[in-house]
Amino acid sequence: MTNYWNLLYLGEIYMGTPSSGDQQQFMVVWDTGSGGYLARSSQCTGCEGDKFETDDSTTFAWKSPADYDSTTYMDGTSLSGQLAYDRVCPTDNDDSCADDFKFVAISSASGLRDYEDGIIGLWSGNRDSYTNEEEMIMHKMFDDSTIDEKVFSFYLTDLASSSYIDFGTPNTAAMTDEADIIYIPIIDDDYWWTAKVQGLRWGTEMNDDTEYMI
């Protein structure tokens, strides 16, 4: 992952199957507050930045019959396009791929910076009414046996060091002591990674016993 001024982290994503050469590489926002993947594509003639060239992938296919989707994010970014399928991989290793992964090939975009090639969701999907797991990359990687656990973890550093995202079993080499990890249950029937916190403590004093959702 690339650290932009200690304000934003973008991660690599690799798409498609080239007839020759390497997969197409892009920098995307890994978003824990949304579910699907929307990728700037060659269909977006008015977009700045790198685009996924659909004609250059031998495994690319449009959803049939044609279907369209749009998403407006909380910061006002608005993306829309046609649903399609292709290989999507968090690394350039073929063993990391989610095959025939459903995504939105962006044809219209507002608010997406030229160095952001798309937004890929990592929300929990922990909601009874949300059943479309084929659009959630972690679930698709698990179904394809690419990973053995539905787990992802971020290792985030400052500008001088390397940051990355892990899928599957966490990398214990990045931990000071695995026994120190604290697991916090999330709220049921909620899209996001929401947990309850009771009270705030400053030093030895308990100043607040209010229950918060974070």
N, C-alpha and C. Protein backbone atom coordinates (compact mmCIF):
# COMPACT_ATOMS: atom_id res chain seq x y z
N MET A 1 0.84 -1.19 0.00
CA MET A 1 0.00 0.00 0.00
C MET A 1 0.88 1.24 0.00
N THR A 2 0.36 2.32 -0.55
CA THR A 2 1.09 3.57 -0.63
C THR A 2 0.48 4.58 0.33
N ASN A 3 1.31 5.19 1.15
CA ASN A 3 0.90 6.20 2.10
C ASN A 3 0.99 7.58 1.44
N TYR A 4 -0.16 8.25 1.32
CA TYR A 4 -0.18 9.59 0.74
C TYR A 4 -0.24 10.62 1.86
N TRP A 5 0.91 11.17 2.20
CA TRP A 5 1.03 12.30 3.13
C TRP A 5 0.45 12.00 4.52
N ASN A 6 0.47 10.73 4.92
CA ASN A 6 -0.11 10.31 6.21
C ASN A 6 -1.59 10.63 6.33
N LEU A 7 -2.26 10.81 5.19
CA LEU A 7 -3.69 11.12 5.17
C LEU A 7 -4.52 10.04 4.50
N LEU A 8 -3.89 9.30 3.58
CA LEU A 8 -4.63 8.35 2.76
C LEU A 8 -3.72 7.20 2.37
N TYR A 9 -4.26 5.99 2.45
CA TYR A 9 -3.52 4.80 2.00
C TYR A 9 -4.25 4.19 0.81
N LEU A 10 -3.53 3.99 -0.28
CA LEU A 10 -4.09 3.32 -1.44
C LEU A 10 -3.35 1.99 -1.64
N GLY A 11 -4.09 0.98 -2.06
CA GLY A 11 -3.49 -0.33 -2.26
C GLY A 11 -3.55 -0.78 -3.70
N GLU A 12 -2.59 -1.62 -4.08
CA GLU A 12 -2.56 -2.15 -5.44
C GLU A 12 -3.69 -3.15 -5.65
N ILE A 13 -4.19 -3.21 -6.87
CA ILE A 13 -5.12 -4.24 -7.29
C ILE A 13 -4.74 -4.61 -8.72
N TYR A 14 -4.88 -5.88 -9.04
CA TYR A 14 -4.52 -6.37 -10.38
C TYR A 14 -5.76 -6.98 -11.01
N MET A 15 -5.99 -6.66 -12.28
CA MET A 15 -7.24 -7.06 -12.91
C MET A 15 -7.01 -7.71 -14.27
N GLY A 16 -7.90 -8.66 -14.57
CA GLY A 16 -7.96 -9.24 -15.90
C GLY A 16 -6.95 -10.33 -16.18
N THR A 17 -7.03 -10.85 -17.40
CA THR A 17 -6.09 -11.85 -17.91
C THR A 17 -5.59 -11.35 -19.26
N PRO A 18 -4.33 -10.92 -19.33
CA PRO A 18 -3.82 -10.39 -20.59
C PRO A 18 -3.51 -11.50 -21.58
N SER A 19 -3.66 -11.22 -22.87
CA SER A 19 -3.26 -12.19 -23.88
C SER A 19 -1.74 -12.33 -23.92
N SER A 20 -1.05 -11.27 -23.47
CA SER A 20 0.41 -11.31 -23.32
C SER A 20 0.79 -10.22 -22.33
N GLY A 21 1.91 -10.41 -21.65
CA GLY A 21 2.38 -9.40 -20.71
C GLY A 21 1.75 -9.55 -19.34
N ASP A 22 1.72 -8.45 -18.60
CA ASP A 22 1.29 -8.47 -17.21
C ASP A 22 -0.17 -8.06 -17.06
N GLN A 23 -0.74 -8.40 -15.90
CA GLN A 23 -2.08 -7.92 -15.56
C GLN A 23 -2.07 -6.40 -15.44
N GLN A 24 -3.23 -5.80 -15.61
CA GLN A 24 -3.36 -4.37 -15.44
C GLN A 24 -3.36 -4.06 -13.94
N GLN A 25 -2.54 -3.09 -13.55
CA GLN A 25 -2.38 -2.74 -12.13
C GLN A 25 -2.99 -1.37 -11.86
N PHE A 26 -3.67 -1.26 -10.71
CA PHE A 26 -4.32 -0.01 -10.33
C PHE A 26 -4.13 0.26 -8.84
N MET A 27 -4.36 1.51 -8.45
CA MET A 27 -4.31 1.91 -7.05
C MET A 27 -5.72 2.26 -6.61
N VAL A 28 -6.20 1.56 -5.59
CA VAL A 28 -7.59 1.73 -5.17
C VAL A 28 -7.69 2.06 -3.69
N VAL A 29 -8.83 2.61 -3.32
CA VAL A 29 -9.16 2.85 -1.93
C VAL A 29 -9.77 1.57 -1.36
N TRP A 30 -9.17 1.01 -0.31
CA TRP A 30 -9.76 -0.12 0.41
C TRP A 30 -10.70 0.48 1.46
N ASP A 31 -12.00 0.35 1.21
CA ASP A 31 -13.01 1.08 1.98
C ASP A 31 -13.78 0.12 2.89
N THR A 32 -13.62 0.26 4.20
CA THR A 32 -14.32 -0.62 5.14
C THR A 32 -15.78 -0.22 5.34
N GLY A 33 -16.23 0.83 4.66
CA GLY A 33 -17.60 1.29 4.82
C GLY A 33 -18.49 1.01 3.63
N SER A 34 -18.01 0.24 2.64
CA SER A 34 -18.85 -0.10 1.48
C SER A 34 -18.56 -1.55 1.08
N GLY A 35 -19.39 -2.08 0.16
CA GLY A 35 -19.30 -3.50 -0.11
C GLY A 35 -18.72 -3.92 -1.44
N GLY A 36 -19.06 -3.23 -2.53
CA GLY A 36 -18.66 -3.68 -3.86
C GLY A 36 -17.38 -3.05 -4.35
N TYR A 37 -17.00 -3.41 -5.58
CA TYR A 37 -15.81 -2.86 -6.23
C TYR A 37 -16.25 -2.06 -7.45
N LEU A 38 -15.87 -0.80 -7.49
CA LEU A 38 -16.13 0.06 -8.63
C LEU A 38 -14.79 0.51 -9.19
N ALA A 39 -14.51 0.15 -10.44
CA ALA A 39 -13.21 0.38 -11.06
C ALA A 39 -13.33 1.31 -12.26
N ARG A 40 -12.49 2.34 -12.29
CA ARG A 40 -12.50 3.23 -13.45
C ARG A 40 -12.15 2.41 -14.70
N SER A 41 -12.97 2.52 -15.72
CA SER A 41 -12.78 1.67 -16.90
C SER A 41 -12.68 2.51 -18.17
N SER A 42 -12.36 1.81 -19.25
CA SER A 42 -12.27 2.47 -20.56
C SER A 42 -13.62 3.00 -21.02
N GLN A 43 -14.70 2.61 -20.34
CA GLN A 43 -16.02 3.14 -20.67
C GLN A 43 -16.18 4.59 -20.22
N CYS A 44 -15.29 5.04 -19.32
CA CYS A 44 -15.39 6.38 -18.76
C CYS A 44 -14.52 7.33 -19.58
N THR A 45 -15.08 7.80 -20.69
CA THR A 45 -14.28 8.60 -21.62
C THR A 45 -13.90 9.96 -21.04
N GLY A 46 -14.65 10.45 -20.07
CA GLY A 46 -14.35 11.76 -19.49
C GLY A 46 -13.53 11.69 -18.22
N CYS A 47 -13.08 10.50 -17.84
CA CYS A 47 -12.34 10.33 -16.59
C CYS A 47 -10.85 10.58 -16.78
N GLU A 48 -10.23 11.18 -15.77
CA GLU A 48 -8.78 11.31 -15.72
C GLU A 48 -8.19 10.12 -14.97
N GLY A 49 -6.94 9.79 -15.23
CA GLY A 49 -6.27 8.71 -14.51
C GLY A 49 -6.28 7.40 -15.28
N ASP A 50 -5.68 6.36 -14.66
CA ASP A 50 -5.60 5.05 -15.29
C ASP A 50 -6.98 4.40 -15.36
N LYS A 51 -7.19 3.60 -16.41
CA LYS A 51 -8.48 2.95 -16.61
C LYS A 51 -8.26 1.48 -16.94
N PHE A 52 -9.20 0.65 -16.48
CA PHE A 52 -9.18 -0.76 -16.84
C PHE A 52 -9.65 -0.91 -18.27
N GLU A 53 -8.75 -1.41 -19.11
CA GLU A 53 -9.05 -1.60 -20.53
C GLU A 53 -9.74 -2.95 -20.70
N THR A 54 -11.06 -2.90 -20.82
CA THR A 54 -11.83 -4.15 -20.86
C THR A 54 -11.46 -5.03 -22.05
N ASP A 55 -11.12 -4.43 -23.17
CA ASP A 55 -10.82 -5.20 -24.37
C ASP A 55 -9.47 -5.93 -24.27
N ASP A 56 -8.65 -5.56 -23.29
CA ASP A 56 -7.32 -6.16 -23.17
C ASP A 56 -7.31 -7.38 -22.25
N SER A 57 -8.47 -7.77 -21.73
CA SER A 57 -8.54 -8.94 -20.84
C SER A 57 -9.34 -10.04 -21.50
N THR A 58 -8.76 -11.24 -21.56
CA THR A 58 -9.44 -12.38 -22.20
C THR A 58 -10.51 -13.00 -21.31
N THR A 59 -10.54 -12.63 -20.03
CA THR A 59 -11.53 -13.20 -19.11
C THR A 59 -12.63 -12.21 -18.76
N PHE A 60 -12.60 -11.04 -19.34
CA PHE A 60 -13.62 -10.02 -19.05
C PHE A 60 -14.95 -10.39 -19.69
N ALA A 61 -16.05 -10.14 -18.96
CA ALA A 61 -17.39 -10.36 -19.53
C ALA A 61 -18.37 -9.40 -18.89
N TRP A 62 -19.25 -8.84 -19.69
CA TRP A 62 -20.33 -8.02 -19.16
C TRP A 62 -21.39 -8.92 -18.54
N LYS A 63 -22.05 -8.45 -17.49
CA LYS A 63 -23.18 -9.19 -16.92
C LYS A 63 -24.30 -9.21 -17.94
N SER A 64 -24.93 -10.37 -18.09
CA SER A 64 -26.01 -10.52 -19.06
C SER A 64 -27.26 -11.05 -18.36
N PRO A 65 -28.41 -10.40 -18.59
CA PRO A 65 -28.60 -9.18 -19.39
C PRO A 65 -27.90 -7.99 -18.74
N ALA A 66 -27.70 -6.96 -19.52
CA ALA A 66 -26.97 -5.78 -19.04
C ALA A 66 -27.61 -5.23 -17.78
N ASP A 67 -26.76 -4.89 -16.82
CA ASP A 67 -27.24 -4.36 -15.55
C ASP A 67 -26.31 -3.23 -15.13
N TYR A 68 -26.84 -2.27 -14.39
CA TYR A 68 -26.08 -1.09 -14.03
C TYR A 68 -26.22 -0.81 -12.53
N ASP A 69 -25.23 -0.12 -12.00
CA ASP A 69 -25.26 0.19 -10.57
C ASP A 69 -24.58 1.53 -10.34
N SER A 70 -24.91 2.16 -9.23
CA SER A 70 -24.28 3.42 -8.86
C SER A 70 -24.15 3.48 -7.35
N THR A 71 -23.13 4.20 -6.89
CA THR A 71 -22.89 4.36 -5.46
C THR A 71 -22.48 5.80 -5.19
N THR A 72 -23.09 6.39 -4.17
CA THR A 72 -22.67 7.68 -3.67
C THR A 72 -22.14 7.49 -2.26
N TYR A 73 -20.88 7.88 -2.03
CA TYR A 73 -20.21 7.68 -0.76
C TYR A 73 -20.45 8.87 0.16
N MET A 74 -20.10 8.69 1.43
CA MET A 74 -20.40 9.71 2.43
C MET A 74 -19.63 11.00 2.20
N ASP A 75 -18.49 10.94 1.45
CA ASP A 75 -17.75 12.17 1.16
C ASP A 75 -18.27 12.87 -0.09
N GLY A 76 -19.34 12.33 -0.69
CA GLY A 76 -19.93 12.94 -1.87
C GLY A 76 -19.47 12.34 -3.19
N THR A 77 -18.44 11.48 -3.17
CA THR A 77 -18.00 10.82 -4.39
C THR A 77 -19.14 9.98 -4.97
N SER A 78 -19.39 10.13 -6.26
CA SER A 78 -20.48 9.42 -6.92
C SER A 78 -19.95 8.68 -8.14
N LEU A 79 -20.17 7.37 -8.18
CA LEU A 79 -19.65 6.52 -9.26
C LEU A 79 -20.78 5.66 -9.81
N SER A 80 -20.77 5.46 -11.11
CA SER A 80 -21.78 4.61 -11.73
C SER A 80 -21.20 3.93 -12.95
N GLY A 81 -21.82 2.81 -13.32
CA GLY A 81 -21.36 2.08 -14.49
C GLY A 81 -22.08 0.77 -14.66
N GLN A 82 -21.57 -0.06 -15.57
CA GLN A 82 -22.19 -1.33 -15.92
C GLN A 82 -21.53 -2.47 -15.16
N LEU A 83 -22.32 -3.45 -14.74
CA LEU A 83 -21.80 -4.60 -14.01
C LEU A 83 -21.10 -5.55 -14.96
N ALA A 84 -19.98 -6.10 -14.48
CA ALA A 84 -19.16 -6.99 -15.30
C ALA A 84 -18.46 -8.00 -14.40
N TYR A 85 -17.76 -8.95 -15.04
CA TYR A 85 -17.00 -9.97 -14.30
C TYR A 85 -15.58 -10.05 -14.84
N ASP A 86 -14.63 -10.28 -13.93
CA ASP A 86 -13.26 -10.56 -14.35
C ASP A 86 -12.45 -11.01 -13.13
N ARG A 87 -11.20 -11.36 -13.37
CA ARG A 87 -10.29 -11.73 -12.28
C ARG A 87 -9.82 -10.45 -11.59
N VAL A 88 -9.89 -10.47 -10.25
CA VAL A 88 -9.43 -9.34 -9.45
C VAL A 88 -8.53 -9.89 -8.36
N CYS A 89 -7.31 -9.33 -8.25
CA CYS A 89 -6.30 -9.92 -7.38
C CYS A 89 -5.63 -8.83 -6.54
N PRO A 90 -5.48 -9.04 -5.22
CA PRO A 90 -4.81 -8.04 -4.39
C PRO A 90 -3.28 -8.04 -4.53
N THR A 91 -2.72 -9.05 -5.20
CA THR A 91 -1.28 -9.08 -5.49
C THR A 91 -1.10 -9.53 -6.94
N ASP A 92 0.13 -9.51 -7.42
CA ASP A 92 0.39 -9.97 -8.79
C ASP A 92 0.60 -11.47 -8.85
N ASN A 93 0.32 -12.18 -7.76
CA ASN A 93 0.40 -13.63 -7.71
C ASN A 93 -0.94 -14.23 -8.11
N ASP A 94 -0.94 -15.14 -9.08
CA ASP A 94 -2.18 -15.74 -9.55
C ASP A 94 -2.95 -16.44 -8.44
N ASP A 95 -2.24 -16.90 -7.41
CA ASP A 95 -2.90 -17.62 -6.32
C ASP A 95 -3.71 -16.70 -5.41
N SER A 96 -3.64 -15.39 -5.61
CA SER A 96 -4.36 -14.45 -4.75
C SER A 96 -5.69 -14.00 -5.34
N CYS A 97 -6.06 -14.50 -6.50
CA CYS A 97 -7.15 -13.91 -7.27
C CYS A 97 -8.53 -14.39 -6.84
N ALA A 98 -9.50 -13.49 -7.04
CA ALA A 98 -10.92 -13.83 -7.00
C ALA A 98 -11.37 -13.91 -8.46
N ASP A 99 -11.71 -15.10 -8.92
CA ASP A 99 -12.07 -15.30 -10.32
C ASP A 99 -13.54 -14.97 -10.56
N ASP A 100 -13.82 -14.48 -11.77
CA ASP A 100 -15.20 -14.11 -12.14
C ASP A 100 -15.85 -13.24 -11.08
N PHE A 101 -15.11 -12.27 -10.63
CA PHE A 101 -15.59 -11.39 -9.57
C PHE A 101 -16.45 -10.28 -10.18
N LYS A 102 -17.62 -10.08 -9.60
CA LYS A 102 -18.53 -9.06 -10.11
C LYS A 102 -18.11 -7.68 -9.62
N PHE A 103 -18.03 -6.72 -10.53
CA PHE A 103 -17.66 -5.36 -10.19
C PHE A 103 -18.39 -4.39 -11.12
N VAL A 104 -18.27 -3.12 -10.80
CA VAL A 104 -18.86 -2.08 -11.64
C VAL A 104 -17.76 -1.43 -12.47
N ALA A 105 -17.88 -1.51 -13.78
CA ALA A 105 -16.95 -0.82 -14.69
C ALA A 105 -17.43 0.62 -14.81
N ILE A 106 -16.73 1.53 -14.14
CA ILE A 106 -17.18 2.91 -14.04
C ILE A 106 -17.23 3.58 -15.42
N SER A 107 -18.38 4.20 -15.71
CA SER A 107 -18.52 4.98 -16.94
C SER A 107 -18.75 6.46 -16.64
N SER A 108 -19.09 6.76 -15.37
CA SER A 108 -19.29 8.14 -14.96
C SER A 108 -18.81 8.29 -13.52
N ALA A 109 -18.02 9.35 -13.28
CA ALA A 109 -17.43 9.52 -11.95
C ALA A 109 -17.39 10.98 -11.57
N SER A 110 -17.69 11.23 -10.29
CA SER A 110 -17.57 12.56 -9.72
C SER A 110 -16.93 12.43 -8.35
N GLY A 111 -15.83 13.16 -8.12
CA GLY A 111 -15.18 13.14 -6.83
C GLY A 111 -14.03 12.15 -6.71
N LEU A 112 -13.83 11.31 -7.72
CA LEU A 112 -12.72 10.35 -7.69
C LEU A 112 -11.45 11.04 -8.18
N ARG A 113 -10.43 11.09 -7.33
CA ARG A 113 -9.18 11.77 -7.71
C ARG A 113 -8.47 10.99 -8.81
N ASP A 114 -7.63 11.68 -9.59
CA ASP A 114 -7.00 11.02 -10.73
C ASP A 114 -6.05 9.90 -10.31
N TYR A 115 -5.54 9.95 -9.06
CA TYR A 115 -4.64 8.88 -8.60
C TYR A 115 -5.40 7.77 -7.86
N GLU A 116 -6.72 7.88 -7.77
CA GLU A 116 -7.56 6.84 -7.21
C GLU A 116 -8.28 6.14 -8.38
N ASP A 117 -7.91 4.91 -8.63
CA ASP A 117 -8.44 4.21 -9.81
C ASP A 117 -9.74 3.47 -9.52
N GLY A 118 -10.17 3.47 -8.28
CA GLY A 118 -11.42 2.82 -7.92
C GLY A 118 -11.56 2.72 -6.42
N ILE A 119 -12.69 2.18 -5.99
CA ILE A 119 -12.97 1.97 -4.57
C ILE A 119 -13.45 0.54 -4.40
N ILE A 120 -12.81 -0.19 -3.50
CA ILE A 120 -13.20 -1.58 -3.27
C ILE A 120 -13.63 -1.75 -1.82
N GLY A 121 -14.80 -2.32 -1.63
CA GLY A 121 -15.41 -2.38 -0.31
C GLY A 121 -14.96 -3.56 0.53
N LEU A 122 -14.86 -3.31 1.83
CA LEU A 122 -14.50 -4.34 2.80
C LEU A 122 -15.45 -4.31 4.00
N TRP A 123 -16.69 -3.88 3.80
CA TRP A 123 -17.59 -3.84 4.94
C TRP A 123 -17.93 -5.26 5.38
N SER A 124 -18.55 -5.38 6.54
CA SER A 124 -18.76 -6.70 7.13
C SER A 124 -19.81 -7.52 6.39
N GLY A 125 -20.82 -6.86 5.80
CA GLY A 125 -21.93 -7.60 5.22
C GLY A 125 -22.78 -8.29 6.27
N ASN A 126 -22.58 -7.90 7.52
CA ASN A 126 -23.24 -8.55 8.66
C ASN A 126 -24.65 -7.98 8.85
N ARG A 127 -25.48 -8.20 7.84
CA ARG A 127 -26.84 -7.66 7.89
C ARG A 127 -27.77 -8.66 7.21
N ASP A 128 -28.88 -8.95 7.82
CA ASP A 128 -29.78 -9.99 7.32
C ASP A 128 -30.25 -9.71 5.91
N SER A 129 -30.46 -8.45 5.59
CA SER A 129 -31.01 -8.10 4.28
C SER A 129 -29.95 -8.04 3.18
N TYR A 130 -28.66 -8.19 3.56
CA TYR A 130 -27.60 -8.09 2.56
C TYR A 130 -27.06 -9.49 2.27
N THR A 131 -27.35 -10.01 1.10
CA THR A 131 -26.97 -11.38 0.77
C THR A 131 -26.06 -11.47 -0.45
N ASN A 132 -25.70 -10.33 -1.05
CA ASN A 132 -24.96 -10.35 -2.30
C ASN A 132 -23.46 -10.46 -2.05
N GLU A 133 -23.03 -11.60 -1.50
CA GLU A 133 -21.63 -11.78 -1.14
C GLU A 133 -20.73 -11.95 -2.35
N GLU A 134 -21.31 -12.22 -3.54
CA GLU A 134 -20.47 -12.39 -4.72
C GLU A 134 -19.81 -11.06 -5.11
N GLU A 135 -20.29 -9.93 -4.57
CA GLU A 135 -19.68 -8.64 -4.85
C GLU A 135 -18.69 -8.22 -3.76
N MET A 136 -18.48 -9.09 -2.76
CA MET A 136 -17.55 -8.78 -1.66
C MET A 136 -16.29 -9.61 -1.86
N ILE A 137 -15.15 -8.93 -2.05
CA ILE A 137 -13.96 -9.63 -2.50
C ILE A 137 -13.46 -10.64 -1.48
N MET A 138 -13.54 -10.34 -0.18
CA MET A 138 -13.05 -11.30 0.81
C MET A 138 -13.87 -12.58 0.78
N HIS A 139 -15.18 -12.46 0.66
CA HIS A 139 -16.04 -13.64 0.59
C HIS A 139 -15.76 -14.44 -0.69
N LYS A 140 -15.55 -13.74 -1.80
CA LYS A 140 -15.28 -14.43 -3.08
C LYS A 140 -13.93 -15.14 -3.02
N MET A 141 -12.93 -14.53 -2.41
CA MET A 141 -11.63 -15.19 -2.28
C MET A 141 -11.75 -16.44 -1.41
N PHE A 142 -12.57 -16.36 -0.38
CA PHE A 142 -12.79 -17.53 0.48
C PHE A 142 -13.51 -18.63 -0.30
N ASP A 143 -14.55 -18.27 -1.04
CA ASP A 143 -15.29 -19.26 -1.83
C ASP A 143 -14.41 -19.91 -2.89
N ASP A 144 -13.44 -19.17 -3.42
CA ASP A 144 -12.52 -19.70 -4.42
C ASP A 144 -11.34 -20.45 -3.79
N SER A 145 -11.35 -20.58 -2.46
CA SER A 145 -10.27 -21.24 -1.70
C SER A 145 -8.94 -20.51 -1.84
N THR A 146 -9.00 -19.23 -2.15
CA THR A 146 -7.78 -18.42 -2.20
C THR A 146 -7.27 -18.14 -0.79
N ILE A 147 -8.19 -17.95 0.16
CA ILE A 147 -7.84 -17.76 1.56
C ILE A 147 -8.63 -18.78 2.39
N ASP A 148 -8.13 -19.09 3.59
CA ASP A 148 -8.79 -20.11 4.41
C ASP A 148 -9.58 -19.51 5.57
N GLU A 149 -9.56 -18.18 5.70
CA GLU A 149 -10.35 -17.51 6.72
C GLU A 149 -10.89 -16.20 6.14
N LYS A 150 -12.11 -15.84 6.54
CA LYS A 150 -12.68 -14.56 6.12
C LYS A 150 -12.15 -13.48 7.05
N VAL A 151 -10.89 -13.14 6.85
CA VAL A 151 -10.19 -12.19 7.71
C VAL A 151 -9.33 -11.29 6.84
N PHE A 152 -9.33 -10.00 7.16
CA PHE A 152 -8.34 -9.10 6.55
C PHE A 152 -7.75 -8.24 7.66
N SER A 153 -6.55 -7.77 7.44
CA SER A 153 -5.88 -6.93 8.44
C SER A 153 -5.00 -5.92 7.73
N PHE A 154 -4.92 -4.73 8.30
CA PHE A 154 -4.07 -3.67 7.78
C PHE A 154 -2.81 -3.55 8.63
N TYR A 155 -1.68 -3.33 7.97
CA TYR A 155 -0.45 -2.94 8.66
C TYR A 155 -0.09 -1.57 8.11
N LEU A 156 -0.33 -0.53 8.89
CA LEU A 156 -0.17 0.85 8.43
C LEU A 156 1.00 1.51 9.13
N THR A 157 1.85 2.16 8.36
CA THR A 157 3.05 2.80 8.89
C THR A 157 3.12 4.24 8.42
N ASP A 158 4.19 4.93 8.81
CA ASP A 158 4.39 6.30 8.35
C ASP A 158 5.01 6.29 6.96
N LEU A 159 5.39 7.46 6.49
CA LEU A 159 5.90 7.58 5.12
C LEU A 159 7.21 6.83 4.89
N ALA A 160 7.98 6.61 5.96
CA ALA A 160 9.30 6.00 5.80
C ALA A 160 9.25 4.49 5.70
N SER A 161 8.12 3.86 6.00
CA SER A 161 8.05 2.40 6.03
C SER A 161 6.99 1.88 5.08
N SER A 162 6.87 0.56 5.02
CA SER A 162 5.94 -0.08 4.08
C SER A 162 4.65 -0.50 4.79
N SER A 163 3.53 -0.22 4.16
CA SER A 163 2.22 -0.62 4.66
C SER A 163 1.64 -1.67 3.73
N TYR A 164 0.74 -2.49 4.26
CA TYR A 164 0.13 -3.50 3.41
C TYR A 164 -1.17 -3.99 4.03
N ILE A 165 -1.94 -4.72 3.21
CA ILE A 165 -3.16 -5.37 3.66
C ILE A 165 -2.98 -6.87 3.50
N ASP A 166 -3.42 -7.62 4.50
CA ASP A 166 -3.36 -9.08 4.49
C ASP A 166 -4.76 -9.64 4.36
N PHE A 167 -4.90 -10.73 3.61
CA PHE A 167 -6.15 -11.48 3.58
C PHE A 167 -5.90 -12.89 4.08
N GLY A 168 -6.88 -13.43 4.81
CA GLY A 168 -6.70 -14.76 5.38
C GLY A 168 -6.03 -14.68 6.73
N THR A 169 -5.34 -15.72 7.11
CA THR A 169 -4.69 -15.80 8.41
C THR A 169 -3.75 -14.61 8.61
N PRO A 170 -3.89 -13.85 9.70
CA PRO A 170 -3.04 -12.67 9.92
C PRO A 170 -1.56 -13.04 9.99
N ASN A 171 -0.73 -12.09 9.60
CA ASN A 171 0.72 -12.27 9.60
C ASN A 171 1.27 -12.03 11.00
N THR A 172 1.56 -13.09 11.72
CA THR A 172 2.02 -12.95 13.11
C THR A 172 3.40 -12.31 13.19
N ALA A 173 4.16 -12.30 12.10
CA ALA A 173 5.48 -11.67 12.11
C ALA A 173 5.38 -10.16 12.32
N ALA A 174 4.20 -9.59 12.03
CA ALA A 174 4.01 -8.15 12.20
C ALA A 174 3.54 -7.80 13.61
N MET A 175 3.38 -8.81 14.46
CA MET A 175 2.87 -8.59 15.81
C MET A 175 4.00 -8.67 16.84
N THR A 176 3.96 -7.78 17.83
CA THR A 176 4.91 -7.86 18.93
C THR A 176 4.68 -9.12 19.74
N ASP A 177 3.41 -9.38 20.05
CA ASP A 177 3.03 -10.59 20.78
C ASP A 177 1.60 -10.93 20.39
N GLU A 178 1.41 -12.06 19.73
CA GLU A 178 0.09 -12.46 19.27
C GLU A 178 -0.91 -12.56 20.43
N ALA A 179 -0.42 -12.88 21.61
CA ALA A 179 -1.28 -13.04 22.79
C ALA A 179 -1.88 -11.71 23.25
N ASP A 180 -1.31 -10.60 22.80
CA ASP A 180 -1.81 -9.29 23.22
C ASP A 180 -2.99 -8.79 22.40
N ILE A 181 -3.35 -9.51 21.33
CA ILE A 181 -4.45 -9.07 20.48
C ILE A 181 -5.76 -9.19 21.24
N ILE A 182 -6.57 -8.15 21.17
CA ILE A 182 -7.88 -8.13 21.81
C ILE A 182 -8.95 -8.16 20.72
N TYR A 183 -9.81 -9.14 20.77
CA TYR A 183 -10.91 -9.26 19.81
C TYR A 183 -12.17 -8.65 20.38
N ILE A 184 -12.80 -7.75 19.62
CA ILE A 184 -13.99 -7.04 20.06
C ILE A 184 -15.16 -7.48 19.19
N PRO A 185 -16.25 -7.98 19.76
CA PRO A 185 -17.40 -8.40 18.95
C PRO A 185 -18.06 -7.20 18.26
N ILE A 186 -18.56 -7.43 17.05
CA ILE A 186 -19.25 -6.37 16.33
C ILE A 186 -20.76 -6.54 16.48
N ILE A 187 -21.47 -5.47 16.18
CA ILE A 187 -22.92 -5.46 16.34
C ILE A 187 -23.57 -6.32 15.25
N ASP A 188 -24.56 -7.13 15.62
CA ASP A 188 -25.29 -7.93 14.65
C ASP A 188 -26.17 -7.05 13.78
N ASP A 189 -26.45 -7.55 12.58
CA ASP A 189 -27.35 -6.89 11.63
C ASP A 189 -26.92 -5.45 11.37
N ASP A 190 -25.65 -5.29 11.00
CA ASP A 190 -25.08 -3.97 10.74
C ASP A 190 -24.08 -4.10 9.59
N TYR A 191 -24.13 -3.17 8.64
CA TYR A 191 -23.23 -3.24 7.49
C TYR A 191 -21.76 -3.06 7.90
N TRP A 192 -21.53 -2.21 8.90
CA TRP A 192 -20.19 -1.76 9.21
C TRP A 192 -19.57 -2.55 10.36
N TRP A 193 -18.32 -2.30 10.63
CA TRP A 193 -17.60 -2.97 11.71
C TRP A 193 -17.85 -2.17 13.00
N THR A 194 -19.09 -2.23 13.47
CA THR A 194 -19.53 -1.42 14.59
C THR A 194 -19.46 -2.21 15.89
N ALA A 195 -18.86 -1.60 16.91
CA ALA A 195 -18.75 -2.25 18.22
C ALA A 195 -19.24 -1.28 19.30
N LYS A 196 -19.61 -1.82 20.45
CA LYS A 196 -20.02 -1.00 21.58
C LYS A 196 -18.84 -0.76 22.51
N VAL A 197 -18.74 0.47 22.99
CA VAL A 197 -17.73 0.84 23.98
C VAL A 197 -18.45 1.45 25.17
N GLN A 198 -18.09 0.99 26.35
CA GLN A 198 -18.73 1.50 27.57
C GLN A 198 -17.71 2.33 28.35
N GLY A 199 -17.92 3.65 28.38
CA GLY A 199 -17.11 4.52 29.22
C GLY A 199 -15.77 4.92 28.62
N LEU A 200 -15.23 6.00 29.17
CA LEU A 200 -13.92 6.51 28.78
C LEU A 200 -13.07 6.68 30.04
N ARG A 201 -11.81 6.32 29.94
CA ARG A 201 -10.93 6.44 31.09
C ARG A 201 -9.72 7.32 30.73
N TRP A 202 -9.36 8.22 31.62
CA TRP A 202 -8.16 9.03 31.45
C TRP A 202 -7.28 8.80 32.67
N GLY A 203 -6.16 8.11 32.45
CA GLY A 203 -5.31 7.74 33.58
C GLY A 203 -6.03 6.74 34.47
N THR A 204 -6.14 7.05 35.76
CA THR A 204 -6.81 6.16 36.70
C THR A 204 -8.25 6.54 36.96
N GLU A 205 -8.71 7.62 36.33
CA GLU A 205 -10.05 8.13 36.58
C GLU A 205 -11.02 7.69 35.49
N MET A 206 -12.16 7.15 35.88
CA MET A 206 -13.24 6.87 34.94
C MET A 206 -14.13 8.09 34.88
N ASN A 207 -14.09 8.79 33.73
CA ASN A 207 -14.79 10.05 33.60
C ASN A 207 -16.16 9.95 32.94
N ASP A 208 -16.45 8.80 32.39
CA ASP A 208 -17.68 8.69 31.61
C ASP A 208 -18.09 7.23 31.53
N ASP A 209 -19.34 6.91 31.82
CA ASP A 209 -19.79 5.55 31.71
C ASP A 209 -20.88 5.39 30.63
N THR A 210 -20.92 6.33 29.68
CA THR A 210 -21.87 6.29 28.59
C THR A 210 -21.52 5.16 27.62
N GLU A 211 -22.53 4.55 27.03
CA GLU A 211 -22.30 3.52 26.02
C GLU A 211 -22.24 4.18 24.64
N TYR A 212 -21.16 3.89 23.89
CA TYR A 212 -20.95 4.48 22.58
C TYR A 212 -20.91 3.38 21.52
N MET A 213 -21.27 3.76 20.31
CA MET A 213 -21.13 2.89 19.14
C MET A 213 -19.99 3.44 18.28
N ILE A 214 -18.99 2.61 17.98
CA ILE A 214 -17.86 3.09 17.19
C ILE A 214 -17.62 2.18 16.01
